Amino acid sequence: MSRIEAAPAVATPAQPGTAPTTTVAKQLSAEPPVDVERVRRIKAAVESGQFPISPAKIADQLIALRYEWMHNEQA
């Protein structure tokens, strides 16, 4: 499976106080925020019963993310 790629560099203005020619919003809106083809393949695999779903693994990850979130809030 492919990983999410880093966002491309944002163009900076030539002079202070001028607007950049390419904004982050324009770059982000140029492509969908997710890999639509990958989502389609996963959805088809889930519907056909070929995608392994482990409720225990999902629960473990949700709990781990919550603990990480709580830890970051205290900082």
N, C-alpha and C. Protein backbone atom coordinates (compact mmCIF):
# COMPACT_ATOMS: atom_id res chain seq x y z
N MET A 1 0.84 -1.19 0.00
CA MET A 1 0.00 0.00 0.00
C MET A 1 0.88 1.24 0.00
N SER A 2 0.41 2.25 -0.69
CA SER A 2 1.21 3.47 -0.78
C SER A 2 0.95 4.36 0.43
N ARG A 3 1.92 5.14 0.77
CA ARG A 3 1.83 6.09 1.87
C ARG A 3 1.43 7.45 1.33
N ILE A 4 0.95 8.30 2.21
CA ILE A 4 0.61 9.65 1.82
C ILE A 4 1.91 10.39 1.53
N GLU A 5 1.93 11.08 0.40
CA GLU A 5 3.13 11.81 0.01
C GLU A 5 3.15 13.18 0.67
N ALA A 6 4.35 13.70 0.84
CA ALA A 6 4.51 15.03 1.41
C ALA A 6 3.92 16.06 0.47
N ALA A 7 3.37 17.11 1.04
CA ALA A 7 2.82 18.19 0.24
C ALA A 7 3.94 18.92 -0.48
N PRO A 8 3.67 19.38 -1.70
CA PRO A 8 4.71 20.11 -2.43
C PRO A 8 5.03 21.43 -1.75
N ALA A 9 6.20 21.93 -2.02
CA ALA A 9 6.62 23.20 -1.43
C ALA A 9 5.72 24.32 -1.93
N VAL A 10 5.49 25.29 -1.09
CA VAL A 10 4.65 26.43 -1.42
C VAL A 10 5.54 27.55 -1.94
N ALA A 11 5.10 28.18 -3.02
CA ALA A 11 5.87 29.31 -3.56
C ALA A 11 5.83 30.46 -2.57
N THR A 12 6.93 31.14 -2.44
CA THR A 12 7.00 32.28 -1.53
C THR A 12 6.97 33.56 -2.32
N PRO A 13 6.48 34.64 -1.74
CA PRO A 13 6.42 35.91 -2.47
C PRO A 13 7.81 36.45 -2.75
N ALA A 14 7.90 37.18 -3.84
CA ALA A 14 9.19 37.77 -4.22
C ALA A 14 9.57 38.89 -3.28
N GLN A 15 8.58 39.63 -2.81
CA GLN A 15 8.84 40.75 -1.91
C GLN A 15 7.93 40.62 -0.70
N PRO A 16 8.40 41.06 0.46
CA PRO A 16 7.54 41.00 1.64
C PRO A 16 6.25 41.80 1.41
N GLY A 17 5.14 41.26 1.86
CA GLY A 17 3.87 41.94 1.74
C GLY A 17 3.13 41.65 0.46
N THR A 18 3.74 40.93 -0.50
CA THR A 18 3.04 40.58 -1.73
C THR A 18 2.48 39.17 -1.60
N ALA A 19 1.39 38.90 -2.29
CA ALA A 19 0.76 37.58 -2.23
C ALA A 19 1.56 36.58 -3.04
N PRO A 20 1.70 35.34 -2.54
CA PRO A 20 2.41 34.32 -3.31
C PRO A 20 1.59 33.95 -4.54
N THR A 21 2.28 33.54 -5.61
CA THR A 21 1.57 33.17 -6.83
C THR A 21 0.81 31.86 -6.65
N THR A 22 1.31 30.96 -5.83
CA THR A 22 0.65 29.69 -5.57
C THR A 22 0.37 29.60 -4.08
N THR A 23 -0.90 29.50 -3.73
CA THR A 23 -1.23 29.41 -2.32
C THR A 23 -1.43 27.95 -1.92
N VAL A 24 -1.36 27.71 -0.65
CA VAL A 24 -1.57 26.36 -0.12
C VAL A 24 -2.96 25.88 -0.49
N ALA A 25 -3.95 26.75 -0.36
CA ALA A 25 -5.33 26.37 -0.67
C ALA A 25 -5.48 25.93 -2.12
N LYS A 26 -4.84 26.64 -3.03
CA LYS A 26 -4.91 26.25 -4.44
C LYS A 26 -4.26 24.90 -4.66
N GLN A 27 -3.12 24.68 -4.01
CA GLN A 27 -2.43 23.40 -4.17
C GLN A 27 -3.25 22.26 -3.62
N LEU A 28 -3.84 22.47 -2.44
CA LEU A 28 -4.61 21.41 -1.82
C LEU A 28 -5.91 21.13 -2.56
N SER A 29 -6.50 22.15 -3.17
CA SER A 29 -7.77 21.95 -3.87
C SER A 29 -7.56 21.37 -5.26
N ALA A 30 -6.33 21.32 -5.73
CA ALA A 30 -6.05 20.79 -7.06
C ALA A 30 -6.25 19.28 -7.13
N GLU A 31 -6.09 18.60 -6.04
CA GLU A 31 -6.23 17.14 -6.00
C GLU A 31 -7.14 16.75 -4.85
N PRO A 32 -7.83 15.60 -4.99
CA PRO A 32 -8.65 15.16 -3.87
C PRO A 32 -7.77 14.86 -2.65
N PRO A 33 -8.29 15.05 -1.43
CA PRO A 33 -7.47 14.83 -0.24
C PRO A 33 -7.18 13.36 0.04
N VAL A 34 -7.81 12.46 -0.70
CA VAL A 34 -7.59 11.03 -0.50
C VAL A 34 -7.33 10.38 -1.85
N ASP A 35 -6.77 9.19 -1.81
CA ASP A 35 -6.54 8.40 -3.02
C ASP A 35 -7.84 7.68 -3.36
N VAL A 36 -8.62 8.27 -4.27
CA VAL A 36 -9.95 7.76 -4.59
C VAL A 36 -9.89 6.32 -5.09
N GLU A 37 -8.90 5.99 -5.89
CA GLU A 37 -8.77 4.63 -6.41
C GLU A 37 -8.50 3.64 -5.28
N ARG A 38 -7.67 4.01 -4.32
CA ARG A 38 -7.39 3.12 -3.18
C ARG A 38 -8.65 2.90 -2.35
N VAL A 39 -9.42 3.97 -2.13
CA VAL A 39 -10.68 3.85 -1.38
C VAL A 39 -11.63 2.91 -2.12
N ARG A 40 -11.69 3.02 -3.44
CA ARG A 40 -12.57 2.15 -4.23
C ARG A 40 -12.15 0.68 -4.08
N ARG A 41 -10.83 0.42 -4.14
CA ARG A 41 -10.34 -0.96 -4.01
C ARG A 41 -10.65 -1.53 -2.63
N ILE A 42 -10.44 -0.72 -1.58
CA ILE A 42 -10.72 -1.18 -0.22
C ILE A 42 -12.21 -1.44 -0.04
N LYS A 43 -13.04 -0.54 -0.54
CA LYS A 43 -14.49 -0.69 -0.43
C LYS A 43 -14.95 -1.98 -1.12
N ALA A 44 -14.42 -2.24 -2.31
CA ALA A 44 -14.77 -3.47 -3.04
C ALA A 44 -14.32 -4.70 -2.26
N ALA A 45 -13.13 -4.65 -1.66
CA ALA A 45 -12.63 -5.79 -0.88
C ALA A 45 -13.48 -6.02 0.37
N VAL A 46 -13.92 -4.96 1.03
CA VAL A 46 -14.78 -5.09 2.22
C VAL A 46 -16.11 -5.71 1.81
N GLU A 47 -16.69 -5.21 0.73
CA GLU A 47 -17.99 -5.71 0.28
C GLU A 47 -17.93 -7.18 -0.13
N SER A 48 -16.80 -7.60 -0.69
CA SER A 48 -16.66 -9.00 -1.12
C SER A 48 -16.16 -9.91 -0.02
N GLY A 49 -15.86 -9.35 1.16
CA GLY A 49 -15.39 -10.16 2.28
C GLY A 49 -13.92 -10.51 2.20
N GLN A 50 -13.16 -9.85 1.34
CA GLN A 50 -11.74 -10.15 1.18
C GLN A 50 -10.82 -9.21 1.95
N PHE A 51 -11.39 -8.23 2.64
CA PHE A 51 -10.58 -7.28 3.41
C PHE A 51 -10.65 -7.68 4.87
N PRO A 52 -9.50 -7.99 5.47
CA PRO A 52 -9.53 -8.45 6.86
C PRO A 52 -9.83 -7.29 7.83
N ILE A 53 -10.95 -7.39 8.51
CA ILE A 53 -11.32 -6.39 9.50
C ILE A 53 -11.26 -7.06 10.87
N SER A 54 -10.47 -6.49 11.75
CA SER A 54 -10.32 -7.01 13.11
C SER A 54 -10.84 -5.97 14.09
N PRO A 55 -12.06 -6.18 14.63
CA PRO A 55 -12.60 -5.21 15.58
C PRO A 55 -11.67 -4.96 16.77
N ALA A 56 -10.99 -5.99 17.24
CA ALA A 56 -10.07 -5.82 18.38
C ALA A 56 -8.91 -4.91 18.01
N LYS A 57 -8.37 -5.07 16.80
CA LYS A 57 -7.25 -4.23 16.37
C LYS A 57 -7.72 -2.78 16.20
N ILE A 58 -8.91 -2.59 15.67
CA ILE A 58 -9.45 -1.24 15.51
C ILE A 58 -9.63 -0.59 16.88
N ALA A 59 -10.21 -1.33 17.83
CA ALA A 59 -10.41 -0.81 19.18
C ALA A 59 -9.08 -0.45 19.84
N ASP A 60 -8.09 -1.33 19.69
CA ASP A 60 -6.77 -1.06 20.26
C ASP A 60 -6.17 0.23 19.70
N GLN A 61 -6.29 0.43 18.40
CA GLN A 61 -5.75 1.63 17.77
C GLN A 61 -6.49 2.89 18.24
N LEU A 62 -7.82 2.80 18.37
CA LEU A 62 -8.59 3.94 18.85
C LEU A 62 -8.19 4.31 20.27
N ILE A 63 -8.00 3.32 21.12
CA ILE A 63 -7.58 3.57 22.50
C ILE A 63 -6.18 4.19 22.52
N ALA A 64 -5.27 3.65 21.71
CA ALA A 64 -3.91 4.18 21.65
C ALA A 64 -3.91 5.64 21.16
N LEU A 65 -4.73 5.94 20.15
CA LEU A 65 -4.80 7.31 19.66
C LEU A 65 -5.38 8.25 20.71
N ARG A 66 -6.35 7.77 21.47
CA ARG A 66 -6.94 8.60 22.52
C ARG A 66 -5.90 8.91 23.60
N TYR A 67 -5.11 7.91 24.00
CA TYR A 67 -4.06 8.15 24.99
C TYR A 67 -3.02 9.15 24.45
N GLU A 68 -2.68 9.01 23.18
CA GLU A 68 -1.72 9.94 22.57
C GLU A 68 -2.31 11.35 22.55
N TRP A 69 -3.57 11.47 22.22
CA TRP A 69 -4.24 12.77 22.18
C TRP A 69 -4.27 13.39 23.58
N MET A 70 -4.59 12.59 24.60
CA MET A 70 -4.63 13.08 25.97
C MET A 70 -3.24 13.55 26.40
N HIS A 71 -2.22 12.80 26.03
CA HIS A 71 -0.84 13.17 26.38
C HIS A 71 -0.47 14.51 25.75
N ASN A 72 -0.86 14.71 24.49
CA ASN A 72 -0.53 15.96 23.78
C ASN A 72 -1.31 17.14 24.34
N GLU A 73 -2.52 16.93 24.87
CA GLU A 73 -3.31 18.01 25.44
C GLU A 73 -2.67 18.55 26.71
N GLN A 74 -1.98 17.69 27.46
CA GLN A 74 -1.39 18.10 28.73
C GLN A 74 -0.12 18.91 28.54
N ALA A 75 0.46 18.84 27.35
CA ALA A 75 1.72 19.54 27.11
C ALA A 75 1.55 21.03 27.00
